[in-house]
Amino acid sequence: MKSMTGYGKGNCSKENYQIVVEIKSVNHRFLDTQIRMPREFNSLEMPMKNCAKKYLSRGRVECFVTIQKESGSDQDIAINWHLMDQLMLELNEAKESRYKGKKFSPSKIMTGAIMHPELFEVVEKKEVDEELVTDLMETFEEAIQALEESRLAEGMEIKKYFETYQQEIKDAVVIIKEQSEMIEKDYQEKLEKKMTDLIGDKVDENRLLTEVALLIERGDINEELDRLEIHVGKLNQLLEKDAPVGKEMDFLIQEMNREVNTIGSKSTTIAIKEQVVFLKTVVEKIREQVQNIE
């Protein structure tokens, strides 16, 4: 069992760069992965989302990618060789004709001209370093795996709550069953006394049993109790599954809540209604925890 809430982090340090990937997740009906990273790596968004799908099935997942590069490691020099060649040609021709015999140095002029942006420019590299891409994907998967471990650890803690709630429901069902048996006997004694008070000792035994049966039938909660026990057993099976069970649990809790409400509507005694209130509280606690389960 895994929670949908967790945190994971991955690191990679190389000579020219450092990669840090941080991932956190919270509850969500489906898997919604959001990735924030430098634009030059946008092409990796889908591979990263596919990587997340290998480990996660539900939850809103936010990923933050930070890449720090050594100064100048992602820059290139762009030289306009066409203009450079043309300038050199004309300067050399000018030295032999226009400025022949004069102090004229093409090399000094080139030294100053080379800084002109039309001839020389420092630009960002257009191609992404393949080694960096590989390291980034590996670091991302490392962070996803750490997130999964975090979600699994929290899921195990939530499972302990479910086991406690499960036992509380079982105990309450036992109490209600005991009360129901007492109530059936009490119905018969009270009805017999009432009929005796009204018509004396000439009580029709068959009619008495019929009336008691009708009263018991109207307030019979045995079927609901049996179904509630079945749901508790199903909950226990889901707790032992390795696959995501959150959606199944959500549906199961709705069924459990329906049975508890029916028991409450059929029951008239204070003792049973107290247990019904307790059961509603427990089922609501389970519902709250189920919202965190993948």
Protein backbone atom coordinates (compact mmCIF):
# COMPACT_ATOMS: atom_id res chain seq x y z
CA MET A 1 0.00 0.00 0.00
CA LYS A 2 1.31 3.40 -0.97
CA SER A 3 0.28 6.90 0.00
CA MET A 4 -0.07 9.60 -2.65
CA THR A 5 1.89 12.04 -0.49
CA GLY A 6 5.67 11.97 -0.50
CA TYR A 7 8.98 13.59 -1.39
CA GLY A 8 12.03 12.45 -3.34
CA LYS A 9 15.35 13.97 -4.37
CA GLY A 10 18.13 13.05 -6.80
CA ASN A 11 21.62 14.54 -7.22
CA CYS A 12 24.36 14.30 -9.83
CA SER A 13 27.69 16.15 -9.69
CA LYS A 14 30.10 16.23 -12.63
CA GLU A 15 33.11 18.37 -13.48
CA ASN A 16 31.16 20.79 -15.65
CA TYR A 17 27.69 20.68 -14.11
CA GLN A 18 25.52 19.74 -11.15
CA ILE A 19 21.96 18.38 -11.39
CA VAL A 20 19.37 18.46 -8.60
CA VAL A 21 15.89 16.99 -9.07
CA GLU A 22 13.28 17.44 -6.32
CA ILE A 23 9.84 15.83 -6.55
CA LYS A 24 6.83 16.10 -4.26
CA SER A 25 3.37 14.60 -4.63
CA VAL A 26 -0.07 15.10 -3.10
CA ASN A 27 -3.53 13.59 -3.54
CA HIS A 28 -5.19 13.56 -6.94
CA ARG A 29 -7.76 11.35 -8.67
CA PHE A 30 -5.37 10.59 -11.52
CA LEU A 31 -1.64 10.89 -12.24
CA ASP A 32 -0.86 14.54 -13.02
CA THR A 33 2.88 15.19 -13.47
CA GLN A 34 4.12 18.79 -13.73
CA ILE A 35 7.81 19.38 -14.57
CA ARG A 36 9.67 22.67 -14.19
CA MET A 37 13.12 22.75 -15.80
CA PRO A 38 15.30 24.91 -18.11
CA ARG A 39 13.68 25.38 -21.52
CA GLU A 40 16.58 23.80 -23.37
CA PHE A 41 15.50 20.44 -21.90
CA ASN A 42 11.80 20.69 -22.77
CA SER A 43 12.19 17.78 -25.19
CA LEU A 44 12.73 15.51 -22.16
CA GLU A 45 9.34 16.29 -20.62
CA MET A 46 7.51 13.30 -22.14
CA PRO A 47 10.31 10.80 -21.38
CA MET A 48 10.26 12.06 -17.78
CA LYS A 49 6.47 11.68 -17.54
CA ASN A 50 6.72 8.15 -18.95
CA CYS A 51 9.38 7.39 -16.34
CA ALA A 52 7.02 8.61 -13.61
CA LYS A 53 4.27 6.31 -14.92
CA LYS A 54 6.51 3.29 -14.35
CA TYR A 55 6.43 3.93 -10.60
CA LEU A 56 3.27 5.97 -9.90
CA SER A 57 -0.38 5.56 -10.85
CA ARG A 58 -2.14 8.41 -9.00
CA GLY A 59 -1.31 11.77 -7.44
CA ARG A 60 -0.37 15.31 -8.41
CA VAL A 61 3.39 15.18 -8.90
CA GLU A 62 5.48 18.36 -9.05
CA CYS A 63 9.08 18.06 -10.29
CA PHE A 64 11.72 20.78 -9.99
CA VAL A 65 14.91 20.40 -12.05
CA THR A 66 17.92 22.63 -11.30
CA ILE A 67 21.05 22.50 -13.48
CA GLN A 68 24.14 24.52 -12.59
CA LYS A 69 26.87 24.62 -15.24
CA GLU A 70 30.49 25.73 -15.03
CA SER A 71 30.89 29.25 -16.43
CA GLY A 72 31.34 29.14 -20.21
CA SER A 73 30.77 25.39 -20.51
CA ASP A 74 27.57 25.89 -22.47
CA GLN A 75 28.85 28.66 -24.78
CA ASP A 76 30.41 28.68 -28.24
CA ILE A 77 32.32 31.27 -30.27
CA ALA A 78 30.61 32.34 -33.50
CA ILE A 79 32.97 33.94 -36.08
CA ASN A 80 31.72 35.53 -39.27
CA TRP A 81 34.45 34.14 -41.49
CA HIS A 82 33.04 35.70 -44.65
CA LEU A 83 33.36 39.24 -43.29
CA MET A 84 36.69 38.35 -41.66
CA ASP A 85 38.16 37.16 -44.98
CA GLN A 86 36.83 40.20 -46.82
CA LEU A 87 38.27 42.58 -44.22
CA MET A 88 41.69 40.92 -44.28
CA LEU A 89 41.77 41.01 -48.09
CA GLU A 90 40.95 44.70 -48.29
CA LEU A 91 43.36 45.64 -45.50
CA ASN A 92 46.23 43.83 -47.21
CA GLU A 93 45.36 45.42 -50.55
CA ALA A 94 45.24 48.86 -48.87
CA LYS A 95 48.70 48.29 -47.40
CA GLU A 96 50.12 47.65 -50.89
CA SER A 97 48.25 50.44 -52.66
CA ARG A 98 46.40 53.13 -50.74
CA TYR A 99 48.80 53.21 -47.78
CA LYS A 100 51.98 51.95 -49.48
CA GLY A 101 55.07 53.37 -47.79
CA LYS A 102 53.06 54.65 -44.85
CA LYS A 103 52.74 53.40 -41.29
CA PHE A 104 49.78 51.12 -41.79
CA SER A 105 49.33 47.82 -39.87
CA PRO A 106 46.49 45.49 -40.91
CA SER A 107 47.22 43.27 -37.89
CA LYS A 108 46.63 46.11 -35.41
CA ILE A 109 43.40 47.02 -37.12
CA MET A 110 42.27 43.41 -36.99
CA THR A 111 43.07 43.25 -33.29
CA GLY A 112 40.58 46.02 -32.62
CA ALA A 113 38.03 44.96 -35.21
CA ILE A 114 37.79 41.41 -33.94
CA MET A 115 35.64 42.55 -30.99
CA HIS A 116 33.01 43.93 -33.34
CA PRO A 117 29.77 41.86 -32.86
CA GLU A 118 29.44 41.43 -36.63
CA LEU A 119 32.72 39.52 -36.69
CA PHE A 120 32.92 37.76 -33.34
CA GLU A 121 30.18 36.72 -30.89
CA VAL A 122 29.80 34.44 -27.85
CA VAL A 123 26.59 32.41 -28.22
CA GLU A 124 24.80 29.64 -26.28
CA LYS A 125 25.40 26.14 -27.57
CA LYS A 126 22.52 24.93 -29.71
CA GLU A 127 23.13 21.24 -29.10
CA VAL A 128 22.45 19.72 -25.68
CA ASP A 129 25.27 17.70 -24.18
CA GLU A 130 24.28 14.02 -24.56
CA GLU A 131 26.10 13.06 -21.36
CA LEU A 132 24.18 15.74 -19.50
CA VAL A 133 20.89 14.44 -20.92
CA THR A 134 21.72 10.90 -19.79
CA ASP A 135 22.68 12.09 -16.31
CA LEU A 136 19.54 14.20 -16.07
CA MET A 137 17.26 11.24 -16.90
CA GLU A 138 19.08 9.01 -14.43
CA THR A 139 18.85 11.66 -11.72
CA PHE A 140 15.15 12.13 -12.43
CA GLU A 141 14.53 8.38 -12.06
CA GLU A 142 16.54 8.39 -8.84
CA ALA A 143 14.26 11.11 -7.46
CA ILE A 144 11.14 9.22 -8.60
CA GLN A 145 12.36 6.07 -6.85
CA ALA A 146 13.01 8.07 -3.67
CA LEU A 147 9.50 9.50 -3.94
CA GLU A 148 8.03 6.02 -4.32
CA GLU A 149 9.91 4.82 -1.22
CA SER A 150 8.58 7.83 0.68
CA ARG A 151 5.01 7.09 -0.44
CA LEU A 152 5.41 3.42 0.46
CA ALA A 153 6.68 4.28 3.96
CA GLU A 154 3.74 6.61 4.59
CA GLY A 155 1.36 4.00 3.16
CA MET A 156 2.58 1.48 5.73
CA GLU A 157 1.81 3.97 8.51
CA ILE A 158 -1.69 4.53 7.14
CA LYS A 159 -2.19 0.76 6.96
CA LYS A 160 -1.74 0.61 10.75
CA TYR A 161 -4.66 3.02 11.16
CA PHE A 162 -6.81 0.88 8.85
CA GLU A 163 -6.02 -2.23 10.90
CA THR A 164 -7.12 -0.42 14.06
CA TYR A 165 -10.33 0.88 12.45
CA GLN A 166 -11.06 -2.57 11.05
CA GLN A 167 -10.91 -4.12 14.49
CA GLU A 168 -13.09 -1.36 15.95
CA ILE A 169 -15.78 -2.13 13.37
CA LYS A 170 -15.62 -5.85 14.17
CA ASP A 171 -16.00 -5.13 17.89
CA ALA A 172 -18.96 -2.83 17.30
CA VAL A 173 -20.70 -5.45 15.12
CA VAL A 174 -20.32 -8.03 17.91
CA ILE A 175 -21.91 -5.63 20.40
CA ILE A 176 -24.78 -4.84 18.05
CA LYS A 177 -25.45 -8.54 17.43
CA GLU A 178 -25.57 -9.19 21.17
CA GLN A 179 -27.97 -6.28 21.61
CA SER A 180 -30.16 -7.55 18.75
CA GLU A 181 -30.60 -10.95 20.39
CA MET A 182 -31.60 -9.28 23.65
CA ILE A 183 -33.99 -6.99 21.82
CA GLU A 184 -35.81 -9.91 20.13
CA LYS A 185 -36.39 -11.56 23.50
CA ASP A 186 -37.42 -8.23 25.01
CA TYR A 187 -39.92 -7.66 22.16
CA GLN A 188 -41.65 -10.93 22.93
CA GLU A 189 -41.80 -10.33 26.70
CA LYS A 190 -43.11 -6.78 26.35
CA LEU A 191 -45.69 -7.66 23.72
CA GLU A 192 -46.90 -10.66 25.74
CA LYS A 193 -47.27 -8.46 28.84
CA LYS A 194 -49.10 -5.81 26.89
CA MET A 195 -51.55 -8.28 25.36
CA THR A 196 -52.09 -9.92 28.75
CA ASP A 197 -52.87 -6.54 30.29
CA LEU A 198 -55.40 -5.88 27.54
CA ILE A 199 -57.20 -9.19 27.16
CA GLY A 200 -56.21 -11.16 30.24
CA ASP A 201 -54.72 -14.62 30.31
CA LYS A 202 -56.40 -15.75 27.08
CA VAL A 203 -53.46 -14.83 24.83
CA ASP A 204 -53.36 -16.48 21.44
CA GLU A 205 -49.85 -17.90 21.27
CA ASN A 206 -49.83 -17.99 17.44
CA ARG A 207 -50.96 -14.39 17.19
CA LEU A 208 -48.33 -13.37 19.74
CA LEU A 209 -45.59 -15.08 17.77
CA THR A 210 -46.84 -13.47 14.55
CA GLU A 211 -46.78 -9.98 16.06
CA VAL A 212 -43.33 -10.56 17.49
CA ALA A 213 -42.10 -11.81 14.10
CA LEU A 214 -43.45 -8.70 12.36
CA LEU A 215 -41.75 -6.40 14.84
CA ILE A 216 -38.49 -8.26 14.55
CA GLU A 217 -38.68 -8.28 10.74
CA ARG A 218 -39.16 -4.51 10.62
CA GLY A 219 -36.11 -4.04 12.80
CA ASP A 220 -34.03 -6.94 11.47
CA ILE A 221 -30.45 -5.77 10.86
CA ASN A 222 -28.78 -9.16 10.51
CA GLU A 223 -28.36 -8.85 6.74
CA GLU A 224 -26.78 -5.42 7.10
CA LEU A 225 -24.45 -6.70 9.81
CA ASP A 226 -23.45 -9.67 7.65
CA ARG A 227 -22.73 -7.43 4.67
CA LEU A 228 -20.76 -5.06 6.89
CA GLU A 229 -18.62 -7.98 8.04
CA ILE A 230 -18.07 -9.00 4.40
CA HIS A 231 -16.95 -5.44 3.58
CA VAL A 232 -14.53 -5.50 6.50
CA GLY A 233 -13.09 -8.75 5.15
CA LYS A 234 -12.73 -7.17 1.70
CA LEU A 235 -10.98 -4.21 3.28
CA ASN A 236 -8.49 -6.60 4.85
CA GLN A 237 -7.81 -8.18 1.44
CA LEU A 238 -7.16 -4.77 -0.11
CA LEU A 239 -4.72 -3.92 2.67
CA GLU A 240 -2.58 -6.90 1.63
CA LYS A 241 -2.51 -6.09 -2.10
CA ASP A 242 0.64 -4.65 -3.68
CA ALA A 243 -1.25 -2.93 -6.50
CA PRO A 244 -2.93 0.49 -6.11
CA VAL A 245 -6.18 0.06 -4.14
CA GLY A 246 -7.33 3.62 -3.42
CA LYS A 247 -10.24 3.63 -5.87
CA GLU A 248 -11.49 0.22 -4.73
CA MET A 249 -11.28 1.33 -1.12
CA ASP A 250 -13.22 4.50 -1.86
CA PHE A 251 -16.08 2.46 -3.35
CA LEU A 252 -15.94 -0.05 -0.47
CA ILE A 253 -16.23 2.72 2.13
CA GLN A 254 -19.38 3.99 0.40
CA GLU A 255 -20.91 0.52 0.74
CA MET A 256 -19.90 0.28 4.41
CA ASN A 257 -21.42 3.67 5.09
CA ARG A 258 -24.67 2.60 3.41
CA GLU A 259 -24.96 -0.47 5.64
CA VAL A 260 -24.28 1.55 8.80
CA ASN A 261 -26.94 4.11 7.86
CA THR A 262 -29.47 1.33 7.25
CA ILE A 263 -28.69 -0.24 10.62
CA GLY A 264 -29.23 3.16 12.22
CA SER A 265 -32.57 3.73 10.49
CA LYS A 266 -33.91 0.29 11.51
CA SER A 267 -32.76 0.41 15.12
CA THR A 268 -34.68 2.07 17.94
CA THR A 269 -32.69 1.22 21.03
CA ILE A 270 -30.18 3.62 22.52
CA ALA A 271 -27.50 0.92 22.90
CA ILE A 272 -27.48 0.10 19.18
CA LYS A 273 -27.74 3.73 18.10
CA GLU A 274 -24.67 4.51 20.19
CA GLN A 275 -22.77 1.85 18.29
CA VAL A 276 -24.09 3.20 14.99
CA VAL A 277 -22.76 6.66 15.84
CA PHE A 278 -19.43 5.08 16.70
CA LEU A 279 -19.40 3.12 13.42
CA LYS A 280 -20.14 6.29 11.43
CA THR A 281 -17.19 7.99 13.11
CA VAL A 282 -14.87 5.08 12.30
CA VAL A 283 -16.05 4.84 8.67
CA GLU A 284 -15.49 8.58 8.26
CA LYS A 285 -11.95 8.22 9.60
CA ILE A 286 -11.33 5.47 7.07
CA ARG A 287 -12.76 7.64 4.30
CA GLU A 288 -10.37 10.47 5.19
CA GLN A 289 -7.38 8.13 5.10
CA VAL A 290 -8.50 6.51 1.83
CA GLN A 291 -8.16 9.90 0.13
CA ASN A 292 -4.40 9.57 0.71
CA ILE A 293 -4.07 6.09 -0.77
CA GLU A 294 -2.75 5.50 -4.30
